[in-house]
PDB file of N, CA and C in Angstrom:
ATOM      1  N   ALA A   1     -27.178  32.221 -39.990  1.00  0.00           N
ATOM      2  CA  ALA A   1     -28.507  31.885 -39.689  1.00  0.00           C
ATOM      3  C   ALA A   1     -28.745  30.378 -39.038  1.00  0.00           C
ATOM      4  N   LYS A   2     -29.571  30.658 -37.965  1.00  0.00           N
ATOM      5  CA  LYS A   2     -29.660  29.890 -36.796  1.00  0.00           C
ATOM      6  C   LYS A   2     -30.663  28.604 -37.097  1.00  0.00           C
ATOM      7  N   THR A   3     -31.463  29.102 -38.344  1.00  0.00           N
ATOM      8  CA  THR A   3     -32.230  27.930 -39.094  1.00  0.00           C
ATOM      9  C   THR A   3     -31.343  26.957 -39.576  1.00  0.00           C
ATOM     10  N   PHE A   4     -29.896  27.229 -40.252  1.00  0.00           N
ATOM     11  CA  PHE A   4     -29.372  26.134 -40.676  1.00  0.00           C
ATOM     12  C   PHE A   4     -28.645  25.140 -40.092  1.00  0.00           C
ATOM     13  N   ASP A   5     -28.588  25.588 -39.057  1.00  0.00           N
ATOM     14  CA  ASP A   5     -28.357  25.101 -37.518  1.00  0.00           C
ATOM     15  C   ASP A   5     -28.850  23.498 -37.851  1.00  0.00           C
ATOM     16  N   ALA A   6     -29.939  23.310 -37.960  1.00  0.00           N
ATOM     17  CA  ALA A   6     -31.125  22.227 -37.747  1.00  0.00           C
ATOM     18  C   ALA A   6     -31.028  21.482 -39.113  1.00  0.00           C
ATOM     19  N   VAL A   7     -30.177  21.940 -40.423  1.00  0.00           N
ATOM     20  CA  VAL A   7     -30.613  21.312 -41.477  1.00  0.00           C
ATOM     21  C   VAL A   7     -29.802  20.114 -41.197  1.00  0.00           C
ATOM     22  N   PRO A   8     -30.172  18.965 -42.212  1.00  0.00           N
ATOM     23  CA  PRO A   8     -29.842  17.759 -41.978  1.00  0.00           C
ATOM     24  C   PRO A   8     -28.915  17.224 -42.517  1.00  0.00           C
ATOM     25  N   HIS A   9     -27.840  16.795 -42.751  1.00  0.00           N
ATOM     26  CA  HIS A   9     -26.827  16.176 -43.573  1.00  0.00           C
ATOM     27  C   HIS A   9     -27.411  15.480 -44.856  1.00  0.00           C
ATOM     28  N   GLU A  10     -28.072  14.794 -44.587  1.00  0.00           N
ATOM     29  CA  GLU A  10     -28.748  14.063 -46.111  1.00  0.00           C
ATOM     30  C   GLU A  10     -29.256  14.351 -46.688  1.00  0.00           C
ATOM     31  N   ARG A  11     -30.616  15.612 -45.935  1.00  0.00           N
ATOM     32  CA  ARG A  11     -31.137  15.870 -47.151  1.00  0.00           C
ATOM     33  C   ARG A  11     -30.288  17.510 -47.416  1.00  0.00           C
ATOM     34  N   LEU A  12     -29.575  18.270 -46.986  1.00  0.00           N
ATOM     35  CA  LEU A  12     -28.714  18.933 -48.239  1.00  0.00           C
ATOM     36  C   LEU A  12     -28.207  17.855 -48.797  1.00  0.00           C
ATOM     37  N   LEU A  13     -27.364  17.192 -48.563  1.00  0.00           N
ATOM     38  CA  LEU A  13     -26.996  16.580 -50.002  1.00  0.00           C
ATOM     39  C   LEU A  13     -27.452  16.312 -50.489  1.00  0.00           C
ATOM     40  N   ARG A  14     -29.002  16.037 -50.911  1.00  0.00           N
ATOM     41  CA  ARG A  14     -29.542  15.571 -51.687  1.00  0.00           C
ATOM     42  C   ARG A  14     -30.208  16.798 -52.471  1.00  0.00           C
ATOM     43  N   GLU A  15     -30.444  17.932 -51.824  1.00  0.00           N
ATOM     44  CA  GLU A  15     -30.388  19.135 -52.368  1.00  0.00           C
ATOM     45  C   GLU A  15     -29.496  19.518 -53.181  1.00  0.00           C
ATOM     46  N   VAL A  16     -27.967  19.362 -52.914  1.00  0.00           N
ATOM     47  CA  VAL A  16     -26.674  19.549 -53.475  1.00  0.00           C
ATOM     48  C   VAL A  16     -26.878  18.915 -54.759  1.00  0.00           C
ATOM     49  N   GLU A  17     -27.444  17.651 -54.548  1.00  0.00           N
ATOM     50  CA  GLU A  17     -26.916  16.747 -55.892  1.00  0.00           C
ATOM     51  C   GLU A  17     -28.163  17.078 -56.545  1.00  0.00           C
ATOM     52  N   ALA A  18     -29.239  17.450 -56.445  1.00  0.00           N
ATOM     53  CA  ALA A  18     -30.349  17.461 -57.435  1.00  0.00           C
ATOM     54  C   ALA A  18     -30.226  19.009 -58.138  1.00  0.00           C
ATOM     55  N   LEU A  19     -29.024  19.770 -57.715  1.00  0.00           N
ATOM     56  CA  LEU A  19     -28.736  20.911 -58.923  1.00  0.00           C
ATOM     57  C   LEU A  19     -27.489  20.652 -59.486  1.00  0.00           C
ATOM     58  N   GLY A  20     -27.278  19.399 -59.659  1.00  0.00           N
ATOM     59  CA  GLY A  20     -26.413  18.869 -60.777  1.00  0.00           C
ATOM     60  C   GLY A  20     -24.871  19.230 -60.553  1.00  0.00           C
ATOM     61  N   ILE A  21     -24.537  19.303 -58.807  1.00  0.00           N
ATOM     62  CA  ILE A  21     -23.082  19.676 -58.137  1.00  0.00           C
ATOM     63  C   ILE A  21     -23.039  17.663 -58.101  1.00  0.00           C
ATOM     64  N   GLU A  22     -21.870  17.209 -58.962  1.00  0.00           N
ATOM     65  CA  GLU A  22     -21.302  15.982 -58.951  1.00  0.00           C
ATOM     66  C   GLU A  22     -20.296  15.758 -58.794  1.00  0.00           C
ATOM     67  N   GLY A  23     -19.602  14.724 -58.896  1.00  0.00           N
ATOM     68  CA  GLY A  23     -18.078  14.533 -58.759  1.00  0.00           C
ATOM     69  C   GLY A  23     -17.458  15.221 -57.738  1.00  0.00           C
ATOM     70  N   LYS A  24     -15.960  15.594 -58.185  1.00  0.00           N
ATOM     71  CA  LYS A  24     -15.315  15.925 -56.977  1.00  0.00           C
ATOM     72  C   LYS A  24     -15.804  16.856 -56.120  1.00  0.00           C
ATOM     73  N   VAL A  25     -16.384  18.130 -56.344  1.00  0.00           N
ATOM     74  CA  VAL A  25     -17.252  18.942 -55.507  1.00  0.00           C
ATOM     75  C   VAL A  25     -18.000  18.085 -54.737  1.00  0.00           C
ATOM     76  N   TYR A  26     -19.021  17.236 -55.070  1.00  0.00           N
ATOM     77  CA  TYR A  26     -20.086  16.723 -54.502  1.00  0.00           C
ATOM     78  C   TYR A  26     -19.248  15.667 -53.177  1.00  0.00           C
ATOM     79  N   GLY A  27     -18.291  15.112 -53.941  1.00  0.00           N
ATOM     80  CA  GLY A  27     -17.808  14.039 -52.933  1.00  0.00           C
ATOM     81  C   GLY A  27     -17.064  15.044 -51.781  1.00  0.00           C
ATOM     82  N   TRP A  28     -16.352  15.918 -52.289  1.00  0.00           N
ATOM     83  CA  TRP A  28     -15.587  17.078 -50.678  1.00  0.00           C
ATOM     84  C   TRP A  28     -16.507  17.576 -50.153  1.00  0.00           C
ATOM     85  N   ILE A  29     -18.206  18.028 -50.362  1.00  0.00           N
ATOM     86  CA  ILE A  29     -18.923  18.145 -49.442  1.00  0.00           C
ATOM     87  C   ILE A  29     -19.359  17.282 -48.808  1.00  0.00           C
ATOM     88  N   ARG A  30     -19.860  16.088 -49.536  1.00  0.00           N
ATOM     89  CA  ARG A  30     -20.002  14.651 -48.472  1.00  0.00           C
ATOM     90  C   ARG A  30     -19.471  14.440 -47.764  1.00  0.00           C
ATOM     91  N   ASN A  31     -17.864  14.209 -47.783  1.00  0.00           N
ATOM     92  CA  ASN A  31     -17.211  13.983 -46.695  1.00  0.00           C
ATOM     93  C   ASN A  31     -16.507  14.929 -45.560  1.00  0.00           C
ATOM     94  N   PHE A  32     -16.844  16.309 -46.312  1.00  0.00           N
ATOM     95  CA  PHE A  32     -16.890  17.326 -44.947  1.00  0.00           C
ATOM     96  C   PHE A  32     -17.830  17.190 -44.057  1.00  0.00           C
ATOM     97  N   LEU A  33     -19.330  16.899 -44.763  1.00  0.00           N
ATOM     98  CA  LEU A  33     -20.079  16.799 -43.532  1.00  0.00           C
ATOM     99  C   LEU A  33     -20.275  15.273 -43.013  1.00  0.00           C
ATOM    100  N   SER A  34     -19.655  14.035 -43.528  1.00  0.00           N
ATOM    101  CA  SER A  34     -19.919  12.982 -42.699  1.00  0.00           C
ATOM    102  C   SER A  34     -18.832  12.494 -41.762  1.00  0.00           C
ATOM    103  N   ASP A  35     -18.989  12.091 -40.674  1.00  0.00           N
ATOM    104  CA  ASP A  35     -18.621  11.421 -39.658  1.00  0.00           C
ATOM    105  C   ASP A  35     -18.217  12.734 -38.912  1.00  0.00           C
ATOM    106  N   ARG A  36     -18.690  13.847 -39.207  1.00  0.00           N
ATOM    107  CA  ARG A  36     -18.499  14.719 -37.793  1.00  0.00           C
ATOM    108  C   ARG A  36     -18.888  14.190 -36.246  1.00  0.00           C
ATOM    109  N   ARG A  37     -18.153  14.551 -35.298  1.00  0.00           N
ATOM    110  CA  ARG A  37     -18.341  14.425 -33.977  1.00  0.00           C
ATOM    111  C   ARG A  37     -18.350  15.765 -33.249  1.00  0.00           C
ATOM    112  N   GLN A  38     -18.730  15.822 -31.894  1.00  0.00           N
ATOM    113  CA  GLN A  38     -18.809  16.895 -31.045  1.00  0.00           C
ATOM    114  C   GLN A  38     -18.572  16.436 -29.337  1.00  0.00           C
ATOM    115  N   ASN A  39     -18.514  17.303 -28.458  1.00  0.00           N
ATOM    116  CA  ASN A  39     -18.403  16.623 -27.515  1.00  0.00           C
ATOM    117  C   ASN A  39     -18.625  18.462 -26.475  1.00  0.00           C
ATOM    118  N   VAL A  40     -19.033  18.245 -25.412  1.00  0.00           N
ATOM    119  CA  VAL A  40     -19.287  19.416 -24.973  1.00  0.00           C
ATOM    120  C   VAL A  40     -18.435  19.864 -23.551  1.00  0.00           C
ATOM    121  N   SER A  41     -17.785  20.359 -23.419  1.00  0.00           N
ATOM    122  CA  SER A  41     -16.855  20.796 -21.735  1.00  0.00           C
ATOM    123  C   SER A  41     -18.012  21.352 -20.865  1.00  0.00           C
ATOM    124  N   VAL A  42     -18.251  21.237 -19.814  1.00  0.00           N
ATOM    125  CA  VAL A  42     -18.849  21.963 -18.784  1.00  0.00           C
ATOM    126  C   VAL A  42     -18.590  21.925 -16.956  1.00  0.00           C
ATOM    127  N   ASN A  43     -17.813  23.122 -16.962  1.00  0.00           N
ATOM    128  CA  ASN A  43     -17.017  23.126 -15.623  1.00  0.00           C
ATOM    129  C   ASN A  43     -15.738  22.047 -15.656  1.00  0.00           C
ATOM    130  N   GLY A  44     -15.488  21.802 -16.671  1.00  0.00           N
ATOM    131  CA  GLY A  44     -13.951  21.246 -17.080  1.00  0.00           C
ATOM    132  C   GLY A  44     -14.644  19.931 -17.066  1.00  0.00           C
ATOM    133  N   MET A  45     -15.341  18.938 -17.430  1.00  0.00           N
ATOM    134  CA  MET A  45     -15.825  18.093 -17.595  1.00  0.00           C
ATOM    135  C   MET A  45     -16.160  17.699 -18.615  1.00  0.00           C
ATOM    136  N   LEU A  46     -16.048  16.340 -19.695  1.00  0.00           N
ATOM    137  CA  LEU A  46     -16.254  16.478 -21.001  1.00  0.00           C
ATOM    138  C   LEU A  46     -17.172  15.425 -21.037  1.00  0.00           C
ATOM    139  N   SER A  47     -18.355  15.568 -22.043  1.00  0.00           N
ATOM    140  CA  SER A  47     -19.387  14.305 -22.174  1.00  0.00           C
ATOM    141  C   SER A  47     -18.997  13.137 -23.340  1.00  0.00           C
ATOM    142  N   ASP A  48     -19.481  12.478 -23.433  1.00  0.00           N
ATOM    143  CA  ASP A  48     -19.237  11.624 -24.156  1.00  0.00           C
ATOM    144  C   ASP A  48     -19.205  12.599 -25.753  1.00  0.00           C
ATOM    145  N   TRP A  49     -18.298  11.776 -26.899  1.00  0.00           N
ATOM    146  CA  TRP A  49     -18.526  11.789 -28.383  1.00  0.00           C
ATOM    147  C   TRP A  49     -19.936  12.062 -28.966  1.00  0.00           C
ATOM    148  N   THR A  50     -20.433  12.513 -29.347  1.00  0.00           N
ATOM    149  CA  THR A  50     -21.701  12.015 -29.872  1.00  0.00           C
ATOM    150  C   THR A  50     -21.570  12.471 -31.475  1.00  0.00           C
ATOM    151  N   ALA A  51     -22.184  11.686 -32.743  1.00  0.00           N
ATOM    152  CA  ALA A  51     -22.379  12.128 -34.083  1.00  0.00           C
ATOM    153  C   ALA A  51     -23.068  13.162 -34.337  1.00  0.00           C
ATOM    154  N   VAL A  52     -22.591  14.236 -35.244  1.00  0.00           N
ATOM    155  CA  VAL A  52     -23.235  15.079 -35.387  1.00  0.00           C
ATOM    156  C   VAL A  52     -24.126  15.135 -36.934  1.00  0.00           C
ATOM    157  N   LYS A  53     -25.381  14.565 -36.877  1.00  0.00           N
ATOM    158  CA  LYS A  53     -25.880  14.419 -38.413  1.00  0.00           C
ATOM    159  C   LYS A  53     -26.905  15.965 -39.076  1.00  0.00           C
ATOM    160  N   SER A  54     -26.735  17.269 -38.196  1.00  0.00           N
ATOM    161  CA  SER A  54     -27.046  18.523 -39.468  1.00  0.00           C
ATOM    162  C   SER A  54     -26.048  19.411 -38.530  1.00  0.00           C
ATOM    163  N   SER A  55     -26.306  20.398 -39.204  1.00  0.00           N
ATOM    164  CA  SER A  55     -25.523  21.754 -39.154  1.00  0.00           C
ATOM    165  C   SER A  55     -24.551  21.821 -39.785  1.00  0.00           C
ATOM    166  N   VAL A  56     -23.868  23.257 -40.473  1.00  0.00           N
ATOM    167  CA  VAL A  56     -22.644  23.355 -40.926  1.00  0.00           C
ATOM    168  C   VAL A  56     -22.269  24.099 -40.140  1.00  0.00           C
ATOM    169  N   PRO A  57     -20.541  23.894 -39.893  1.00  0.00           N
ATOM    170  CA  PRO A  57     -19.980  24.475 -39.146  1.00  0.00           C
ATOM    171  C   PRO A  57     -19.347  25.725 -39.795  1.00  0.00           C
ATOM    172  N   HIS A  58     -20.060  27.077 -38.753  1.00  0.00           N
ATOM    173  CA  HIS A  58     -19.846  28.063 -39.365  1.00  0.00           C
ATOM    174  C   HIS A  58     -18.347  28.639 -39.246  1.00  0.00           C
ATOM    175  N   GLU A  59     -17.200  27.687 -39.779  1.00  0.00           N
ATOM    176  CA  GLU A  59     -16.198  28.314 -40.171  1.00  0.00           C
ATOM    177  C   GLU A  59     -15.931  28.034 -41.777  1.00  0.00           C
ATOM    178  N   ILE A  60     -16.635  27.635 -42.329  1.00  0.00           N
ATOM    179  CA  ILE A  60     -16.803  26.701 -43.772  1.00  0.00           C
ATOM    180  C   ILE A  60     -17.370  28.139 -44.676  1.00  0.00           C
ATOM    181  N   ILE A  61     -16.518  28.375 -45.511  1.00  0.00           N
ATOM    182  CA  ILE A  61     -16.580  29.542 -46.394  1.00  0.00           C
ATOM    183  C   ILE A  61     -18.059  29.065 -47.038  1.00  0.00           C
ATOM    184  N   LEU A  62     -18.564  28.023 -47.360  1.00  0.00           N
ATOM    185  CA  LEU A  62     -19.405  27.360 -48.434  1.00  0.00           C
ATOM    186  C   LEU A  62     -20.664  27.560 -47.578  1.00  0.00           C
ATOM    187  N   ARG A  63     -20.689  27.951 -46.306  1.00  0.00           N
ATOM    188  CA  ARG A  63     -21.670  27.628 -45.425  1.00  0.00           C
ATOM    189  C   ARG A  63     -22.949  28.475 -46.223  1.00  0.00           C
ATOM    190  N   PRO A  64     -22.807  29.932 -46.601  1.00  0.00           N
ATOM    191  CA  PRO A  64     -24.135  30.791 -47.224  1.00  0.00           C
ATOM    192  C   PRO A  64     -24.250  29.794 -48.309  1.00  0.00           C
ATOM    193  N   VAL A  65     -23.007  29.384 -49.149  1.00  0.00           N
ATOM    194  CA  VAL A  65     -23.667  28.844 -50.552  1.00  0.00           C
ATOM    195  C   VAL A  65     -24.496  27.926 -50.526  1.00  0.00           C
ATOM    196  N   LEU A  66     -23.938  26.883 -49.280  1.00  0.00           N
ATOM    197  CA  LEU A  66     -24.846  25.471 -49.015  1.00  0.00           C
ATOM    198  C   LEU A  66     -26.269  25.649 -48.473  1.00  0.00           C
ATOM    199  N   PHE A  67     -26.213  27.101 -47.602  1.00  0.00           N
ATOM    200  CA  PHE A  67     -28.018  27.760 -47.263  1.00  0.00           C
ATOM    201  C   PHE A  67     -28.696  27.734 -48.403  1.00  0.00           C
ATOM    202  N   GLU A  68     -27.822  28.558 -49.155  1.00  0.00           N
ATOM    203  CA  GLU A  68     -28.723  28.816 -50.433  1.00  0.00           C
ATOM    204  C   GLU A  68     -29.381  27.715 -51.380  1.00  0.00           C
ATOM    205  N   MET A  69     -28.489  26.362 -51.735  1.00  0.00           N
ATOM    206  CA  MET A  69     -28.546  25.631 -52.126  1.00  0.00           C
ATOM    207  C   MET A  69     -29.821  24.465 -51.447  1.00  0.00           C
ATOM    208  N   TYR A  70     -29.635  24.951 -50.153  1.00  0.00           N
ATOM    209  CA  TYR A  70     -30.739  24.327 -49.339  1.00  0.00           C
ATOM    210  C   TYR A  70     -31.992  24.822 -49.839  1.00  0.00           C
ATOM    211  N   ILE A  71     -32.406  25.868 -49.707  1.00  0.00           N
ATOM    212  CA  ILE A  71     -33.616  26.697 -49.560  1.00  0.00           C
ATOM    213  C   ILE A  71     -33.775  26.870 -51.103  1.00  0.00           C
ATOM    214  N   ASN A  72     -33.687  26.783 -51.963  1.00  0.00           N
ATOM    215  CA  ASN A  72     -33.377  26.858 -53.188  1.00  0.00           C
ATOM    216  C   ASN A  72     -34.721  26.897 -53.921  1.00  0.00           C
ATOM    217  N   ASP A  73     -35.735  25.824 -53.758  1.00  0.00           N
ATOM    218  CA  ASP A  73     -36.644  25.304 -53.793  1.00  0.00           C
ATOM    219  C   ASP A  73     -38.132  25.702 -53.181  1.00  0.00           C
ATOM    220  N   LEU A  74     -37.500  26.338 -51.766  1.00  0.00           N
ATOM    221  CA  LEU A  74     -38.605  26.768 -50.873  1.00  0.00           C
ATOM    222  C   LEU A  74     -40.387  27.594 -51.698  1.00  0.00           C
ATOM    223  N   PRO A  75     -39.805  28.393 -52.734  1.00  0.00           N
ATOM    224  CA  PRO A  75     -41.067  28.671 -53.404  1.00  0.00           C
ATOM    225  C   PRO A  75     -41.635  27.569 -53.624  1.00  0.00           C
ATOM    226  N   ASP A  76     -41.586  26.544 -54.142  1.00  0.00           N
ATOM    227  CA  ASP A  76     -42.101  25.668 -55.192  1.00  0.00           C
ATOM    228  C   ASP A  76     -43.108  24.452 -53.644  1.00  0.00           C
ATOM    229  N   ALA A  77     -42.630  24.941 -52.955  1.00  0.00           N
ATOM    230  CA  ALA A  77     -42.867  23.728 -51.649  1.00  0.00           C
ATOM    231  C   ALA A  77     -43.809  24.420 -50.396  1.00  0.00           C
ATOM    232  N   VAL A  78     -44.089  25.832 -50.731  1.00  0.00           N
ATOM    233  CA  VAL A  78     -44.942  26.544 -49.824  1.00  0.00           C
ATOM    234  C   VAL A  78     -45.840  26.948 -50.932  1.00  0.00           C
ATOM    235  N   GLU A  79     -47.861  27.015 -50.240  1.00  0.00           N
ATOM    236  CA  GLU A  79     -48.560  28.016 -50.651  1.00  0.00           C
ATOM    237  C   GLU A  79     -48.496  29.008 -50.532  1.00  0.00           C
ATOM    238  N   SER A  80     -47.494  30.046 -50.590  1.00  0.00           N
ATOM    239  CA  SER A  80     -47.647  31.388 -50.125  1.00  0.00           C
ATOM    240  C   SER A  80     -46.802  32.062 -51.423  1.00  0.00           C
ATOM    241  N   LEU A  81     -46.619  32.844 -51.779  1.00  0.00           N
ATOM    242  CA  LEU A  81     -45.729  34.039 -52.129  1.00  0.00           C
ATOM    243  C   LEU A  81     -44.458  34.256 -51.694  1.00  0.00           C
ATOM    244  N   CYS A  82     -43.470  33.960 -52.045  1.00  0.00           N
ATOM    245  CA  CYS A  82     -42.180  34.109 -51.185  1.00  0.00           C
ATOM    246  C   CYS A  82     -40.961  34.736 -52.173  1.00  0.00           C
ATOM    247  N   SER A  83     -40.910  35.719 -51.361  1.00  0.00           N
ATOM    248  CA  SER A  83     -39.503  36.655 -51.566  1.00  0.00           C
ATOM    249  C   SER A  83     -38.379  35.757 -50.752  1.00  0.00           C
ATOM    250  N   MET A  84     -37.074  35.576 -51.462  1.00  0.00           N
ATOM    251  CA  MET A  84     -35.765  35.457 -50.790  1.00  0.00           C
ATOM    252  C   MET A  84     -34.941  36.669 -51.728  1.00  0.00           C
ATOM    253  N   TYR A  85     -33.808  36.533 -50.750  1.00  0.00           N
ATOM    254  CA  TYR A  85     -32.887  37.491 -51.082  1.00  0.00           C
ATOM    255  C   TYR A  85     -31.938  37.325 -50.098  1.00  0.00           C
ATOM    256  N   ALA A  86     -30.605  36.563 -50.482  1.00  0.00           N
ATOM    257  CA  ALA A  86     -29.379  36.055 -49.017  1.00  0.00           C
ATOM    258  C   ALA A  86     -30.393  35.371 -48.212  1.00  0.00           C
ATOM    259  N   VAL A  87     -29.984  35.429 -47.353  1.00  0.00           N
ATOM    260  CA  VAL A  87     -30.236  34.353 -46.412  1.00  0.00           C
ATOM    261  C   VAL A  87     -31.759  35.328 -45.862  1.00  0.00           C
ATOM    262  N   ASP A  88     -32.455  35.729 -46.549  1.00  0.00           N
ATOM    263  CA  ASP A  88     -33.986  36.611 -45.775  1.00  0.00           C
ATOM    264  C   ASP A  88     -34.777  35.786 -46.809  1.00  0.00           C
ATOM    265  N   THR A  89     -35.381  35.673 -46.404  1.00  0.00           N
ATOM    266  CA  THR A  89     -37.118  34.439 -46.821  1.00  0.00           C
ATOM    267  C   THR A  89     -38.361  35.385 -46.252  1.00  0.00           C
ATOM    268  N   LYS A  90     -39.242  35.854 -47.082  1.00  0.00           N
ATOM    269  CA  LYS A  90     -40.299  36.315 -46.860  1.00  0.00           C
ATOM    270  C   LYS A  90     -41.637  35.811 -47.099  1.00  0.00           C
ATOM    271  N   LEU A  91     -42.439  35.267 -46.592  1.00  0.00           N
ATOM    272  CA  LEU A  91     -43.911  34.582 -47.111  1.00  0.00           C
ATOM    273  C   LEU A  91     -44.827  35.531 -47.161  1.00  0.00           C
ATOM    274  N   TYR A  92     -45.536  35.082 -47.926  1.00  0.00           N
ATOM    275  CA  TYR A  92     -46.542  36.397 -47.969  1.00  0.00           C
ATOM    276  C   TYR A  92     -48.170  35.697 -48.268  1.00  0.00           C
ATOM    277  N   ARG A  93     -48.954  35.814 -47.615  1.00  0.00           N
ATOM    278  CA  ARG A  93     -50.618  34.976 -47.443  1.00  0.00           C
ATOM    279  C   ARG A  93     -51.284  35.922 -47.131  1.00  0.00           C
ATOM    280  N   SER A  94     -52.676  35.713 -47.813  1.00  0.00           N
ATOM    281  CA  SER A  94     -53.568  36.665 -47.072  1.00  0.00           C
ATOM    282  C   SER A  94     -54.404  36.208 -46.071  1.00  0.00           C
ATOM    283  N   VAL A  95     -55.058  36.813 -45.372  1.00  0.00           N
ATOM    284  CA  VAL A  95     -55.386  36.406 -44.464  1.00  0.00           C
ATOM    285  C   VAL A  95     -56.983  36.553 -43.898  1.00  0.00           C
ATOM    286  N   GLU A  96     -57.767  35.999 -43.913  1.00  0.00           N
ATOM    287  CA  GLU A  96     -59.003  36.285 -44.463  1.00  0.00           C
ATOM    288  C   GLU A  96     -59.888  36.158 -42.782  1.00  0.00           C
TER     289      GLU A  96
END
């Protein structure tokens, strides 16, 4: 989900913690997301390294699980009917 590319690491970690994930598992997730850096290559020229403070790498097998943890409380945060299945979310609202 492209949306997950914009998820701030700090907020994701708060959601993980709120779900009761702690100890070594929480530490592993926190350490995996911390101190990530990236650079870009254009026409053979490399940019400076920059900190990555959002997104979860596509390669990680936990990506969909972390996404579900992140959006878990979405129905409580919106004033609409909300239907969620896997990575699909639908909001329903009447329009007058």
